[in-house]
Amino acid sequence: MTTYNKTYLTKLITNLKPGMVILSPWLQEIGISRNLQKYYRNSVWLEPIGTGAYKRPNDKIDWQGGLYAMQYQKKLNIHAGALTALSLQGLSHFFRFSNEKIFLFSPRKTKLPKWFEDYNWGYSIFHKQTNFLPFDLGITEYEEKNYPIRISSSERAILECLYLSPSIIDLTECYHIMEGLANLRPKLLQKLLQECNSIKVKRLFLYFAEKINHMWMQYIDTSLINIGTGNRRIAGGGVYISKYQITIPNDIALL
């Protein structure tokens, strides 16, 4: 191997950490050409997982490694949210990675790369394209084993859960998760609720928050939150809550 190739092999080994996915265009940015990538593939220094995406040979990778590559190399506006973000932060007693979806959120018209869609991560990936919240509000960095990924803060994640309820995420589960969120930050909640464009989410959140009565609720100025007009039916039948003009399932009203 030439000194030139050894230099770039050292750079490859330094950048390609265990569990991480690395993308061909990003390798080119750090000086590793397509021809050199092909050489490393043939020499078993790189193992392809799809077109233009690699991992360490025999390395076990997971969805977090793929998300890292999409966020920090491909520069996609995509993050882990809802139950996934809450679980990573230890705030969901119900969520189990072994039999539940991984929830990813992005602005509308953002597509997952084919290599990510086609790879078997061992979990079902649920990708929601939505602009119901500003994309950069309430996003935090979570440190994985060898790299960071961007996920929803607990304040944003519970709103994402309510956005997906009741068809994707059970509304009762949302309520019980919210019961455990005693340490939400009111300033961030205030911003999120004012910027949120989903009337359903805002009404459900305020109804739950009032019912649960965490300390942070006293710092939320509800007069600044637009909850719209007209009735919203969350479930067929159920109980009508006149203050928030929502019809909710009977079991929620009885909690």
Protein backbone atom coordinates (compact mmCIF):
# COMPACT_ATOMS: atom_id res chain seq x y z
CA MET A 1 0.00 0.00 0.00
CA THR A 2 1.35 3.45 -0.87
CA THR A 3 2.06 6.11 1.74
CA TYR A 4 -0.80 8.11 0.19
CA ASN A 5 -3.28 5.28 0.72
CA LYS A 6 -2.01 4.66 4.26
CA THR A 7 -2.58 8.33 5.12
CA TYR A 8 -6.19 8.20 4.01
CA LEU A 9 -6.74 4.80 5.59
CA THR A 10 -5.71 6.34 8.91
CA LYS A 11 -8.20 9.15 8.30
CA LEU A 12 -10.91 6.59 7.46
CA ILE A 13 -10.26 4.55 10.62
CA THR A 14 -10.26 7.73 12.72
CA ASN A 15 -13.61 8.92 11.35
CA LEU A 16 -15.43 5.59 11.04
CA LYS A 17 -16.20 4.71 14.66
CA PRO A 18 -17.97 1.53 15.83
CA GLY A 19 -21.72 1.62 15.25
CA MET A 20 -21.46 4.47 12.77
CA VAL A 21 -22.62 4.68 9.16
CA ILE A 22 -20.44 6.72 6.84
CA LEU A 23 -21.53 8.09 3.44
CA SER A 24 -19.64 8.21 0.17
CA PRO A 25 -20.10 11.98 -0.48
CA TRP A 26 -18.81 12.74 3.03
CA LEU A 27 -15.78 10.50 2.48
CA GLN A 28 -15.05 12.49 -0.66
CA GLU A 29 -15.22 15.69 1.37
CA ILE A 30 -12.40 14.45 3.61
CA GLY A 31 -10.33 13.46 0.58
CA ILE A 32 -11.23 9.80 0.10
CA SER A 33 -12.19 9.57 -3.58
CA ARG A 34 -14.62 7.08 -5.08
CA ASN A 35 -11.72 5.10 -6.50
CA LEU A 36 -10.09 4.96 -3.10
CA GLN A 37 -13.41 3.93 -1.54
CA LYS A 38 -13.60 1.10 -4.05
CA TYR A 39 -10.07 0.06 -3.10
CA TYR A 40 -11.03 0.04 0.60
CA ARG A 41 -14.14 -2.04 -0.18
CA ASN A 42 -12.05 -4.59 -2.07
CA SER A 43 -9.52 -4.60 0.77
CA VAL A 44 -12.34 -5.14 3.29
CA TRP A 45 -11.76 -1.87 5.13
CA LEU A 46 -15.27 -0.73 4.17
CA GLU A 47 -18.44 -2.82 4.09
CA PRO A 48 -21.35 -1.42 2.04
CA ILE A 49 -24.84 -1.42 3.56
CA GLY A 50 -26.46 0.13 0.49
CA THR A 51 -25.63 2.49 -2.35
CA GLY A 52 -23.19 5.09 -1.08
CA ALA A 53 -23.30 4.01 2.59
CA TYR A 54 -20.72 2.00 4.53
CA LYS A 55 -19.86 0.62 7.94
CA ARG A 56 -16.89 -1.09 9.53
CA PRO A 57 -16.49 -4.71 8.42
CA ASN A 58 -18.44 -7.08 10.69
CA ASP A 59 -19.61 -4.12 12.77
CA LYS A 60 -23.10 -4.18 14.28
CA ILE A 61 -24.90 -0.98 13.43
CA ASP A 62 -28.31 0.27 14.48
CA TRP A 63 -30.76 2.98 13.44
CA GLN A 64 -28.94 5.57 15.54
CA GLY A 65 -25.84 5.12 13.39
CA GLY A 66 -27.95 5.63 10.28
CA LEU A 67 -29.65 8.68 11.78
CA TYR A 68 -26.28 10.19 12.62
CA ALA A 69 -25.19 9.85 8.98
CA MET A 70 -28.40 11.47 7.73
CA GLN A 71 -28.11 14.35 10.19
CA TYR A 72 -24.41 15.17 10.29
CA GLN A 73 -23.18 13.99 6.88
CA LYS A 74 -26.16 14.30 4.54
CA LYS A 75 -27.41 17.37 6.49
CA LEU A 76 -31.04 16.28 6.46
CA ASN A 77 -33.51 18.01 8.77
CA ILE A 78 -34.66 14.85 10.50
CA HIS A 79 -34.76 13.84 14.15
CA ALA A 80 -35.95 11.09 16.46
CA GLY A 81 -39.11 12.16 18.25
CA ALA A 82 -42.29 11.17 20.08
CA LEU A 83 -41.96 7.87 22.03
CA THR A 84 -38.46 7.23 20.69
CA ALA A 85 -37.08 10.49 22.09
CA LEU A 86 -38.89 9.99 25.40
CA SER A 87 -37.54 6.46 25.72
CA LEU A 88 -33.95 7.56 25.03
CA GLN A 89 -34.36 10.08 27.86
CA GLY A 90 -35.82 7.47 30.21
CA LEU A 91 -39.25 9.08 30.26
CA SER A 92 -41.47 6.37 28.74
CA HIS A 93 -42.34 3.37 30.89
CA PHE A 94 -44.38 1.83 28.10
CA PHE A 95 -42.02 2.01 25.14
CA ARG A 96 -39.89 -0.99 24.19
CA PHE A 97 -37.49 -0.83 21.24
CA SER A 98 -37.86 -4.56 20.68
CA ASN A 99 -41.47 -4.42 19.55
CA GLU A 100 -42.28 -0.80 18.81
CA LYS A 101 -41.71 1.70 16.03
CA ILE A 102 -38.80 4.09 15.79
CA PHE A 103 -40.35 7.52 15.27
CA LEU A 104 -38.55 9.92 12.93
CA PHE A 105 -39.81 13.41 12.09
CA SER A 106 -38.87 15.78 9.30
CA PRO A 107 -40.35 18.75 7.43
CA ARG A 108 -42.67 17.94 4.54
CA LYS A 109 -41.05 16.67 1.33
CA THR A 110 -37.99 15.33 3.20
CA LYS A 111 -37.29 11.80 2.02
CA LEU A 112 -35.27 9.11 3.73
CA PRO A 113 -32.28 7.90 1.68
CA LYS A 114 -32.84 4.56 -0.04
CA TRP A 115 -29.98 2.91 1.86
CA PHE A 116 -31.70 3.79 5.16
CA GLU A 117 -35.13 2.64 4.00
CA ASP A 118 -33.82 -0.66 2.62
CA TYR A 119 -31.53 -1.67 5.48
CA ASN A 120 -32.90 -4.05 8.10
CA TRP A 121 -32.45 -2.12 11.35
CA GLY A 122 -34.37 -4.71 13.34
CA TYR A 123 -37.18 -2.25 14.09
CA SER A 124 -40.10 -0.75 12.22
CA ILE A 125 -39.29 2.80 11.12
CA PHE A 126 -42.14 5.32 11.18
CA HIS A 127 -41.23 8.52 9.32
CA LYS A 128 -43.60 11.47 9.71
CA GLN A 129 -43.26 14.47 7.43
CA THR A 130 -44.93 17.43 9.10
CA ASN A 131 -44.61 21.16 9.72
CA PHE A 132 -46.87 21.29 12.78
CA LEU A 133 -43.92 22.66 14.78
CA PRO A 134 -40.89 24.73 13.68
CA PHE A 135 -38.25 22.16 12.94
CA ASP A 136 -35.44 23.64 15.06
CA LEU A 137 -37.51 24.38 18.18
CA GLY A 138 -37.14 22.00 21.12
CA ILE A 139 -34.44 19.82 19.54
CA THR A 140 -31.62 18.53 21.73
CA GLU A 141 -28.43 16.56 21.16
CA TYR A 142 -28.29 13.04 22.58
CA GLU A 143 -24.92 11.37 22.97
CA GLU A 144 -24.88 7.86 21.54
CA LYS A 145 -21.93 5.55 22.23
CA ASN A 146 -19.52 7.14 19.77
CA TYR A 147 -21.44 10.00 18.19
CA PRO A 148 -24.32 12.44 18.79
CA ILE A 149 -27.81 12.35 17.32
CA ARG A 150 -30.50 15.02 17.42
CA ILE A 151 -33.75 14.13 19.16
CA SER A 152 -36.80 15.94 20.48
CA SER A 153 -36.66 17.39 23.96
CA SER A 154 -39.25 15.92 26.30
CA GLU A 155 -41.36 19.07 25.83
CA ARG A 156 -41.50 18.64 22.07
CA ALA A 157 -41.73 14.83 22.18
CA ILE A 158 -44.99 14.78 24.15
CA LEU A 159 -46.54 17.18 21.61
CA GLU A 160 -45.40 14.83 18.83
CA CYS A 161 -47.06 11.93 20.66
CA LEU A 162 -50.32 13.86 20.83
CA TYR A 163 -49.98 14.77 17.15
CA LEU A 164 -49.86 11.05 16.28
CA SER A 165 -52.69 10.13 18.63
CA PRO A 166 -55.03 8.36 18.65
CA SER A 167 -54.43 6.55 15.34
CA ILE A 168 -50.70 5.83 15.75
CA ILE A 169 -50.05 6.31 19.47
CA ASP A 170 -52.63 5.39 22.10
CA LEU A 171 -54.11 8.44 23.81
CA THR A 172 -54.22 6.76 27.21
CA GLU A 173 -50.51 6.03 26.92
CA CYS A 174 -49.91 9.71 26.12
CA TYR A 175 -51.79 10.68 29.27
CA HIS A 176 -49.85 8.31 31.52
CA ILE A 177 -46.53 9.43 30.02
CA MET A 178 -47.49 13.04 30.66
CA GLU A 179 -48.25 12.18 34.28
CA GLY A 180 -44.55 11.42 34.67
CA LEU A 181 -43.32 14.63 33.02
CA ALA A 182 -43.10 16.70 36.20
CA ASN A 183 -39.96 18.57 35.16
CA LEU A 184 -40.90 20.11 31.82
CA ARG A 185 -39.54 23.61 31.17
CA PRO A 186 -42.39 26.13 31.01
CA LYS A 187 -40.51 28.67 28.87
CA LEU A 188 -39.85 26.10 26.15
CA LEU A 189 -43.39 24.73 26.46
CA GLN A 190 -44.77 28.23 26.04
CA LYS A 191 -42.80 28.73 22.82
CA LEU A 192 -43.76 25.32 21.46
CA LEU A 193 -47.46 25.78 22.19
CA GLN A 194 -47.53 29.26 20.67
CA GLU A 195 -45.75 28.07 17.52
CA CYS A 196 -47.70 24.81 17.19
CA ASN A 197 -50.20 24.90 14.31
CA SER A 198 -52.18 21.81 15.37
CA ILE A 199 -55.34 22.81 17.22
CA LYS A 200 -55.89 19.20 18.26
CA VAL A 201 -52.47 18.97 19.89
CA LYS A 202 -52.82 22.22 21.80
CA ARG A 203 -56.27 21.40 23.12
CA LEU A 204 -55.31 17.90 24.20
CA PHE A 205 -52.11 19.08 25.84
CA LEU A 206 -53.82 21.85 27.81
CA TYR A 207 -56.65 19.54 28.86
CA PHE A 208 -54.19 16.88 30.05
CA ALA A 209 -51.96 19.48 31.74
CA GLU A 210 -54.89 20.98 33.61
CA LYS A 211 -56.12 17.54 34.66
CA ILE A 212 -52.69 16.33 35.84
CA ASN A 213 -51.78 19.73 37.34
CA HIS A 214 -47.98 19.61 37.33
CA MET A 215 -46.22 22.58 38.93
CA TRP A 216 -45.00 23.91 35.56
CA MET A 217 -48.58 24.49 34.40
CA GLN A 218 -48.91 27.59 36.59
CA TYR A 219 -46.20 29.27 34.51
CA ILE A 220 -47.93 28.72 31.16
CA ASP A 221 -49.83 31.77 29.86
CA THR A 222 -52.74 30.11 28.08
CA SER A 223 -54.07 33.48 26.87
CA LEU A 224 -51.18 33.56 24.37
CA ILE A 225 -52.00 30.12 22.95
CA ASN A 226 -54.45 30.06 20.04
CA ILE A 227 -56.69 27.00 20.38
CA GLY A 228 -58.96 27.96 17.48
CA THR A 229 -62.70 27.66 17.27
CA GLY A 230 -65.17 24.90 16.59
CA ASN A 231 -65.40 21.39 17.99
CA ARG A 232 -62.77 18.68 17.52
CA ARG A 233 -63.77 15.03 17.81
CA ILE A 234 -60.80 12.97 18.99
CA ALA A 235 -62.87 9.79 19.29
CA GLY A 236 -66.29 8.58 18.23
CA GLY A 237 -68.82 8.81 21.04
CA GLY A 238 -66.93 9.72 24.17
CA VAL A 239 -67.20 12.74 26.45
CA TYR A 240 -67.38 16.35 25.32
CA ILE A 241 -65.07 18.78 27.17
CA SER A 242 -66.68 22.17 26.63
CA LYS A 243 -63.71 24.29 27.80
CA TYR A 244 -61.48 22.85 25.09
CA GLN A 245 -64.23 21.89 22.62
CA ILE A 246 -62.97 18.34 22.25
CA THR A 247 -64.69 14.97 22.42
CA ILE A 248 -62.41 12.45 24.10
CA PRO A 249 -62.71 8.71 24.84
CA ASN A 250 -64.63 7.78 27.96
CA ASP A 251 -61.62 6.12 29.59
CA ILE A 252 -59.58 9.33 29.30
CA ALA A 253 -62.32 11.41 30.93
CA LEU A 254 -62.47 8.96 33.85
CA LEU A 255 -58.71 9.10 34.59
